[in-house]
Amino acid sequence: DIEDADTEDPLWETPDYSSLGEELAPAA
């Protein structure tokens, strides 16, 4: 099911950044 974004700002995640505040391991 297509989800509604559950944060005020749109999702933005790259190998070295997480708008969700997730802890990131070094990019492989």
PDB file of all heavy atoms in Angstrom:
ATOM      1  N   ASP A   1       0.876  -1.164   0.000  1.00  0.00           N
ATOM      2  CA  ASP A   1       0.000   0.000   0.000  1.00  0.00           C
ATOM      3  C   ASP A   1       0.913   1.213   0.000  1.00  0.00           C
ATOM      4  O   ASP A   1       1.891   1.267   0.754  1.00  0.00           O
ATOM      5  CB  ASP A   1      -0.894   0.031   1.246  1.00  0.00           C
ATOM      6  CG  ASP A   1      -1.924  -1.088   1.236  1.00  0.00           C
ATOM      7  OD1 ASP A   1      -2.534  -1.303   0.171  1.00  0.00           O
ATOM      8  OD2 ASP A   1      -2.098  -1.742   2.280  1.00  0.00           O
ATOM      9  N   ILE A   2       0.595   2.191  -0.837  1.00  0.00           N
ATOM     10  CA  ILE A   2       1.419   3.401  -0.872  1.00  0.00           C
ATOM     11  C   ILE A   2       1.236   4.143   0.438  1.00  0.00           C
ATOM     12  O   ILE A   2       0.121   4.474   0.837  1.00  0.00           O
ATOM     13  CB  ILE A   2       1.040   4.278  -2.068  1.00  0.00           C
ATOM     14  CG1 ILE A   2       1.333   3.514  -3.372  1.00  0.00           C
ATOM     15  CG2 ILE A   2       1.824   5.587  -2.041  1.00  0.00           C
ATOM     16  CD1 ILE A   2       0.901   4.245  -4.624  1.00  0.00           C
ATOM     17  N   GLU A   3       2.338   4.385   1.108  1.00  0.00           N
ATOM     18  CA  GLU A   3       2.290   4.965   2.443  1.00  0.00           C
ATOM     19  C   GLU A   3       2.145   6.472   2.390  1.00  0.00           C
ATOM     20  O   GLU A   3       2.601   7.133   1.454  1.00  0.00           O
ATOM     21  CB  GLU A   3       3.581   4.620   3.206  1.00  0.00           C
ATOM     22  CG  GLU A   3       3.832   3.128   3.331  1.00  0.00           C
ATOM     23  CD  GLU A   3       5.120   2.819   4.062  1.00  0.00           C
ATOM     24  OE1 GLU A   3       5.662   3.730   4.718  1.00  0.00           O
ATOM     25  OE2 GLU A   3       5.582   1.677   3.983  1.00  0.00           O
ATOM     26  N   ASP A   4       1.489   7.008   3.422  1.00  0.00           N
ATOM     27  CA  ASP A   4       1.535   8.441   3.646  1.00  0.00           C
ATOM     28  C   ASP A   4       2.803   8.722   4.424  1.00  0.00           C
ATOM     29  O   ASP A   4       3.146   7.990   5.359  1.00  0.00           O
ATOM     30  CB  ASP A   4       0.323   8.916   4.452  1.00  0.00           C
ATOM     31  CG  ASP A   4      -0.950   8.899   3.621  1.00  0.00           C
ATOM     32  OD1 ASP A   4      -0.862   9.206   2.421  1.00  0.00           O
ATOM     33  OD2 ASP A   4      -2.008   8.561   4.168  1.00  0.00           O
ATOM     34  N   ALA A   5       3.521   9.779   4.027  1.00  0.00           N
ATOM     35  CA  ALA A   5       4.742  10.131   4.764  1.00  0.00           C
ATOM     36  C   ALA A   5       4.364  10.426   6.206  1.00  0.00           C
ATOM     37  O   ALA A   5       3.425  11.167   6.482  1.00  0.00           O
ATOM     38  CB  ALA A   5       5.407  11.336   4.129  1.00  0.00           C
ATOM     39  N   ASP A   6       5.084   9.814   7.155  1.00  0.00           N
ATOM     40  CA  ASP A   6       4.722   9.981   8.560  1.00  0.00           C
ATOM     41  C   ASP A   6       5.594  11.019   9.256  1.00  0.00           C
ATOM     42  O   ASP A   6       5.661  11.075  10.474  1.00  0.00           O
ATOM     43  CB  ASP A   6       4.810   8.636   9.299  1.00  0.00           C
ATOM     44  CG  ASP A   6       6.167   7.966   9.146  1.00  0.00           C
ATOM     45  OD1 ASP A   6       7.068   8.584   8.536  1.00  0.00           O
ATOM     46  OD2 ASP A   6       6.327   6.840   9.639  1.00  0.00           O
ATOM     47  N   THR A   7       6.278  11.836   8.486  1.00  0.00           N
ATOM     48  CA  THR A   7       7.055  12.929   9.048  1.00  0.00           C
ATOM     49  C   THR A   7       6.628  14.227   8.380  1.00  0.00           C
ATOM     50  O   THR A   7       6.066  14.223   7.285  1.00  0.00           O
ATOM     51  CB  THR A   7       8.566  12.721   8.818  1.00  0.00           C
ATOM     52  OG1 THR A   7       8.810  12.599   7.413  1.00  0.00           O
ATOM     53  CG2 THR A   7       9.058  11.471   9.519  1.00  0.00           C
ATOM     54  N   GLU A   8       6.860  15.332   9.031  1.00  0.00           N
ATOM     55  CA  GLU A   8       6.460  16.630   8.491  1.00  0.00           C
ATOM     56  C   GLU A   8       7.205  16.930   7.200  1.00  0.00           C
ATOM     57  O   GLU A   8       6.630  17.465   6.252  1.00  0.00           O
ATOM     58  CB  GLU A   8       6.744  17.730   9.524  1.00  0.00           C
ATOM     59  CG  GLU A   8       6.306  19.130   9.083  1.00  0.00           C
ATOM     60  CD  GLU A   8       4.811  19.256   8.903  1.00  0.00           C
ATOM     61  OE1 GLU A   8       4.059  18.495   9.545  1.00  0.00           O
ATOM     62  OE2 GLU A   8       4.381  20.128   8.103  1.00  0.00           O
ATOM     63  N   ASP A   9       8.489  16.570   7.157  1.00  0.00           N
ATOM     64  CA  ASP A   9       9.288  16.809   5.960  1.00  0.00           C
ATOM     65  C   ASP A   9       9.382  15.527   5.144  1.00  0.00           C
ATOM     66  O   ASP A   9       9.358  14.419   5.683  1.00  0.00           O
ATOM     67  CB  ASP A   9      10.696  17.271   6.345  1.00  0.00           C
ATOM     68  CG  ASP A   9      10.674  18.601   7.065  1.00  0.00           C
ATOM     69  OD1 ASP A   9       9.918  19.483   6.635  1.00  0.00           O
ATOM     70  OD2 ASP A   9      11.400  18.743   8.074  1.00  0.00           O
ATOM     71  N   PRO A  10       9.514  15.647   3.819  1.00  0.00           N
ATOM     72  CA  PRO A  10       9.651  14.448   2.991  1.00  0.00           C
ATOM     73  C   PRO A  10      10.891  13.641   3.368  1.00  0.00           C
ATOM     74  O   PRO A  10      11.885  14.177   3.847  1.00  0.00           O
ATOM     75  CB  PRO A  10       9.779  15.029   1.574  1.00  0.00           C
ATOM     76  CG  PRO A  10       9.138  16.368   1.638  1.00  0.00           C
ATOM     77  CD  PRO A  10       9.441  16.875   3.021  1.00  0.00           C
ATOM     78  N   LEU A  11      10.791  12.324   3.146  1.00  0.00           N
ATOM     79  CA  LEU A  11      11.913  11.435   3.427  1.00  0.00           C
ATOM     80  C   LEU A  11      13.124  11.830   2.586  1.00  0.00           C
ATOM     81  O   LEU A  11      13.001  12.121   1.400  1.00  0.00           O
ATOM     82  CB  LEU A  11      11.512   9.995   3.084  1.00  0.00           C
ATOM     83  CG  LEU A  11      12.607   8.938   3.228  1.00  0.00           C
ATOM     84  CD1 LEU A  11      12.896   8.673   4.696  1.00  0.00           C
ATOM     85  CD2 LEU A  11      12.193   7.641   2.532  1.00  0.00           C
ATOM     86  N   TRP A  12      14.294  11.866   3.227  1.00  0.00           N
ATOM     87  CA  TRP A  12      15.536  12.158   2.507  1.00  0.00           C
ATOM     88  C   TRP A  12      16.637  11.332   3.134  1.00  0.00           C
ATOM     89  O   TRP A  12      17.085  11.607   4.239  1.00  0.00           O
ATOM     90  CB  TRP A  12      15.873  13.646   2.583  1.00  0.00           C
ATOM     91  CG  TRP A  12      16.851  14.067   1.521  1.00  0.00           C
ATOM     92  CD1 TRP A  12      18.201  13.922   1.531  1.00  0.00           C
ATOM     93  CD2 TRP A  12      16.526  14.687   0.277  1.00  0.00           C
ATOM     94  NE1 TRP A  12      18.743  14.417   0.383  1.00  0.00           N
ATOM     95  CE2 TRP A  12      17.741  14.903  -0.421  1.00  0.00           C
ATOM     96  CE3 TRP A  12      15.333  15.095  -0.326  1.00  0.00           C
ATOM     97  CZ2 TRP A  12      17.784  15.494  -1.672  1.00  0.00           C
ATOM     98  CZ3 TRP A  12      15.375  15.689  -1.563  1.00  0.00           C
ATOM     99  CH2 TRP A  12      16.594  15.889  -2.240  1.00  0.00           C
ATOM    100  N   GLU A  13      17.075  10.294   2.440  1.00  0.00           N
ATOM    101  CA  GLU A  13      18.114   9.421   2.967  1.00  0.00           C
ATOM    102  C   GLU A  13      19.107   9.091   1.870  1.00  0.00           C
ATOM    103  O   GLU A  13      18.726   8.674   0.775  1.00  0.00           O
ATOM    104  CB  GLU A  13      17.515   8.112   3.501  1.00  0.00           C
ATOM    105  CG  GLU A  13      16.687   8.295   4.748  1.00  0.00           C
ATOM    106  CD  GLU A  13      16.480   6.978   5.467  1.00  0.00           C
ATOM    107  OE1 GLU A  13      16.524   5.931   4.804  1.00  0.00           O
ATOM    108  OE2 GLU A  13      16.303   6.999   6.686  1.00  0.00           O
ATOM    109  N   THR A  14      20.364   9.275   2.177  1.00  0.00           N
ATOM    110  CA  THR A  14      21.443   8.901   1.282  1.00  0.00           C
ATOM    111  C   THR A  14      22.395   7.998   2.072  1.00  0.00           C
ATOM    112  O   THR A  14      22.209   7.815   3.280  1.00  0.00           O
ATOM    113  CB  THR A  14      22.191  10.150   0.769  1.00  0.00           C
ATOM    114  OG1 THR A  14      22.856  10.790   1.879  1.00  0.00           O
ATOM    115  CG2 THR A  14      21.222  11.144   0.118  1.00  0.00           C
ATOM    116  N   PRO A  15      23.394   7.422   1.435  1.00  0.00           N
ATOM    117  CA  PRO A  15      24.301   6.557   2.186  1.00  0.00           C
ATOM    118  C   PRO A  15      24.962   7.224   3.390  1.00  0.00           C
ATOM    119  O   PRO A  15      25.397   6.524   4.309  1.00  0.00           O
ATOM    120  CB  PRO A  15      25.339   6.155   1.124  1.00  0.00           C
ATOM    121  CG  PRO A  15      24.541   6.115  -0.143  1.00  0.00           C
ATOM    122  CD  PRO A  15      23.610   7.295  -0.021  1.00  0.00           C
ATOM    123  N   ASP A  16      25.029   8.558   3.407  1.00  0.00           N
ATOM    124  CA  ASP A  16      25.674   9.216   4.551  1.00  0.00           C
ATOM    125  C   ASP A  16      24.787  10.232   5.263  1.00  0.00           C
ATOM    126  O   ASP A  16      25.267  11.048   6.035  1.00  0.00           O
ATOM    127  CB  ASP A  16      26.985   9.885   4.114  1.00  0.00           C
ATOM    128  CG  ASP A  16      26.782  10.859   2.971  1.00  0.00           C
ATOM    129  OD1 ASP A  16      25.620  11.147   2.612  1.00  0.00           O
ATOM    130  OD2 ASP A  16      27.794  11.346   2.425  1.00  0.00           O
ATOM    131  N   TYR A  17      23.451  10.170   5.021  1.00  0.00           N
ATOM    132  CA  TYR A  17      22.539  11.095   5.712  1.00  0.00           C
ATOM    133  C   TYR A  17      21.177  10.429   5.856  1.00  0.00           C
ATOM    134  O   TYR A  17      20.710   9.743   4.941  1.00  0.00           O
ATOM    135  CB  TYR A  17      22.383  12.396   4.928  1.00  0.00           C
ATOM    136  CG  TYR A  17      21.315  13.308   5.506  1.00  0.00           C
ATOM    137  CD1 TYR A  17      21.581  14.103   6.621  1.00  0.00           C
ATOM    138  CD2 TYR A  17      20.024  13.343   4.965  1.00  0.00           C
ATOM    139  CE1 TYR A  17      20.600  14.903   7.176  1.00  0.00           C
ATOM    140  CE2 TYR A  17      19.046  14.151   5.512  1.00  0.00           C
ATOM    141  CZ  TYR A  17      19.335  14.933   6.612  1.00  0.00           C
ATOM    142  OH  TYR A  17      18.350  15.720   7.165  1.00  0.00           O
ATOM    143  N   SER A  18      20.525  10.658   7.007  1.00  0.00           N
ATOM    144  CA  SER A  18      19.178  10.140   7.228  1.00  0.00           C
ATOM    145  C   SER A  18      18.308  11.221   7.842  1.00  0.00           C
ATOM    146  O   SER A  18      18.591  11.702   8.948  1.00  0.00           O
ATOM    147  CB  SER A  18      19.209   8.923   8.160  1.00  0.00           C
ATOM    148  OG  SER A  18      17.882   8.558   8.538  1.00  0.00           O
ATOM    149  N   SER A  19      17.237  11.622   7.149  1.00  0.00           N
ATOM    150  CA  SER A  19      16.313  12.603   7.714  1.00  0.00           C
ATOM    151  C   SER A  19      15.517  11.996   8.868  1.00  0.00           C
ATOM    152  O   SER A  19      14.898  12.731   9.644  1.00  0.00           O
ATOM    153  CB  SER A  19      15.353  13.103   6.629  1.00  0.00           C
ATOM    154  OG  SER A  19      14.515  12.061   6.151  1.00  0.00           O
ATOM    155  N   LEU A  20      15.527  10.671   8.978  1.00  0.00           N
ATOM    156  CA  LEU A  20      14.853   9.994  10.079  1.00  0.00           C
ATOM    157  C   LEU A  20      15.737   9.908  11.319  1.00  0.00           C
ATOM    158  O   LEU A  20      15.302   9.414  12.358  1.00  0.00           O
ATOM    159  CB  LEU A  20      14.445   8.577   9.655  1.00  0.00           C
ATOM    160  CG  LEU A  20      13.495   8.492   8.450  1.00  0.00           C
ATOM    161  CD1 LEU A  20      13.230   7.035   8.093  1.00  0.00           C
ATOM    162  CD2 LEU A  20      12.192   9.215   8.732  1.00  0.00           C
ATOM    163  N   GLY A  21      16.970  10.366  11.201  1.00  0.00           N
ATOM    164  CA  GLY A  21      17.880  10.354  12.331  1.00  0.00           C
ATOM    165  C   GLY A  21      18.476   8.989  12.631  1.00  0.00           C
ATOM    166  O   GLY A  21      18.993   8.754  13.733  1.00  0.00           O
ATOM    167  N   GLU A  22      18.445   8.078  11.660  1.00  0.00           N
ATOM    168  CA  GLU A  22      18.999   6.752  11.889  1.00  0.00           C
ATOM    169  C   GLU A  22      20.523   6.808  11.983  1.00  0.00           C
ATOM    170  O   GLU A  22      21.172   7.582  11.291  1.00  0.00           O
ATOM    171  CB  GLU A  22      18.597   5.809  10.756  1.00  0.00           C
ATOM    172  CG  GLU A  22      17.107   5.495  10.712  1.00  0.00           C
ATOM    173  CD  GLU A  22      16.767   4.474   9.656  1.00  0.00           C
ATOM    174  OE1 GLU A  22      17.680   4.082   8.904  1.00  0.00           O
ATOM    175  OE2 GLU A  22      15.591   4.075   9.575  1.00  0.00           O
ATOM    176  N   GLU A  23      21.052   5.962  12.836  1.00  0.00           N
ATOM    177  CA  GLU A  23      22.504   5.855  12.935  1.00  0.00           C
ATOM    178  C   GLU A  23      23.006   5.079  11.726  1.00  0.00           C
ATOM    179  O   GLU A  23      22.504   3.990  11.423  1.00  0.00           O
ATOM    180  CB  GLU A  23      22.904   5.152  14.232  1.00  0.00           C
ATOM    181  CG  GLU A  23      24.404   5.121  14.474  1.00  0.00           C
ATOM    182  CD  GLU A  23      24.750   4.569  15.837  1.00  0.00           C
ATOM    183  OE1 GLU A  23      23.854   4.497  16.700  1.00  0.00           O
ATOM    184  OE2 GLU A  23      25.929   4.196  16.018  1.00  0.00           O
ATOM    185  N   LEU A  24      23.981   5.626  11.033  1.00  0.00           N
ATOM    186  CA  LEU A  24      24.444   5.038   9.788  1.00  0.00           C
ATOM    187  C   LEU A  24      25.806   4.391   9.958  1.00  0.00           C
ATOM    188  O   LEU A  24      26.707   4.983  10.550  1.00  0.00           O
ATOM    189  CB  LEU A  24      24.516   6.103   8.691  1.00  0.00           C
ATOM    190  CG  LEU A  24      23.217   6.865   8.404  1.00  0.00           C
ATOM    191  CD1 LEU A  24      23.463   7.929   7.340  1.00  0.00           C
ATOM    192  CD2 LEU A  24      22.123   5.919   7.963  1.00  0.00           C
ATOM    193  N   ALA A  25      25.922   3.190   9.430  1.00  0.00           N
ATOM    194  CA  ALA A  25      27.230   2.544   9.373  1.00  0.00           C
ATOM    195  C   ALA A  25      28.004   3.146   8.217  1.00  0.00           C
ATOM    196  O   ALA A  25      27.424   3.708   7.289  1.00  0.00           O
ATOM    197  CB  ALA A  25      27.056   1.042   9.172  1.00  0.00           C
ATOM    198  N   PRO A  26      29.322   3.063   8.258  1.00  0.00           N
ATOM    199  CA  PRO A  26      30.104   3.578   7.119  1.00  0.00           C
ATOM    200  C   PRO A  26      29.633   2.945   5.817  1.00  0.00           C
ATOM    201  O   PRO A  26      29.365   1.756   5.749  1.00  0.00           O
ATOM    202  CB  PRO A  26      31.542   3.147   7.467  1.00  0.00           C
ATOM    203  CG  PRO A  26      31.547   2.986   8.951  1.00  0.00           C
ATOM    204  CD  PRO A  26      30.170   2.493   9.316  1.00  0.00           C
ATOM    205  N   ALA A  27      29.498   3.769   4.802  1.00  0.00           N
ATOM    206  CA  ALA A  27      29.009   3.284   3.517  1.00  0.00           C
ATOM    207  C   ALA A  27      29.977   2.285   2.905  1.00  0.00           C
ATOM    208  O   ALA A  27      31.177   2.512   2.854  1.00  0.00           O
ATOM    209  CB  ALA A  27      28.782   4.456   2.567  1.00  0.00           C
ATOM    210  N   ALA A  28      29.427   1.167   2.455  1.00  0.00           N
ATOM    211  CA  ALA A  28      30.238   0.152   1.789  1.00  0.00           C
ATOM    212  C   ALA A  28      30.285   0.436   0.295  1.00  0.00           C
ATOM    213  O   ALA A  28      29.406   1.097  -0.244  1.00  0.00           O
ATOM    214  CB  ALA A  28      29.632  -1.228   2.048  1.00  0.00           C
TER     215      ALA A  28
END
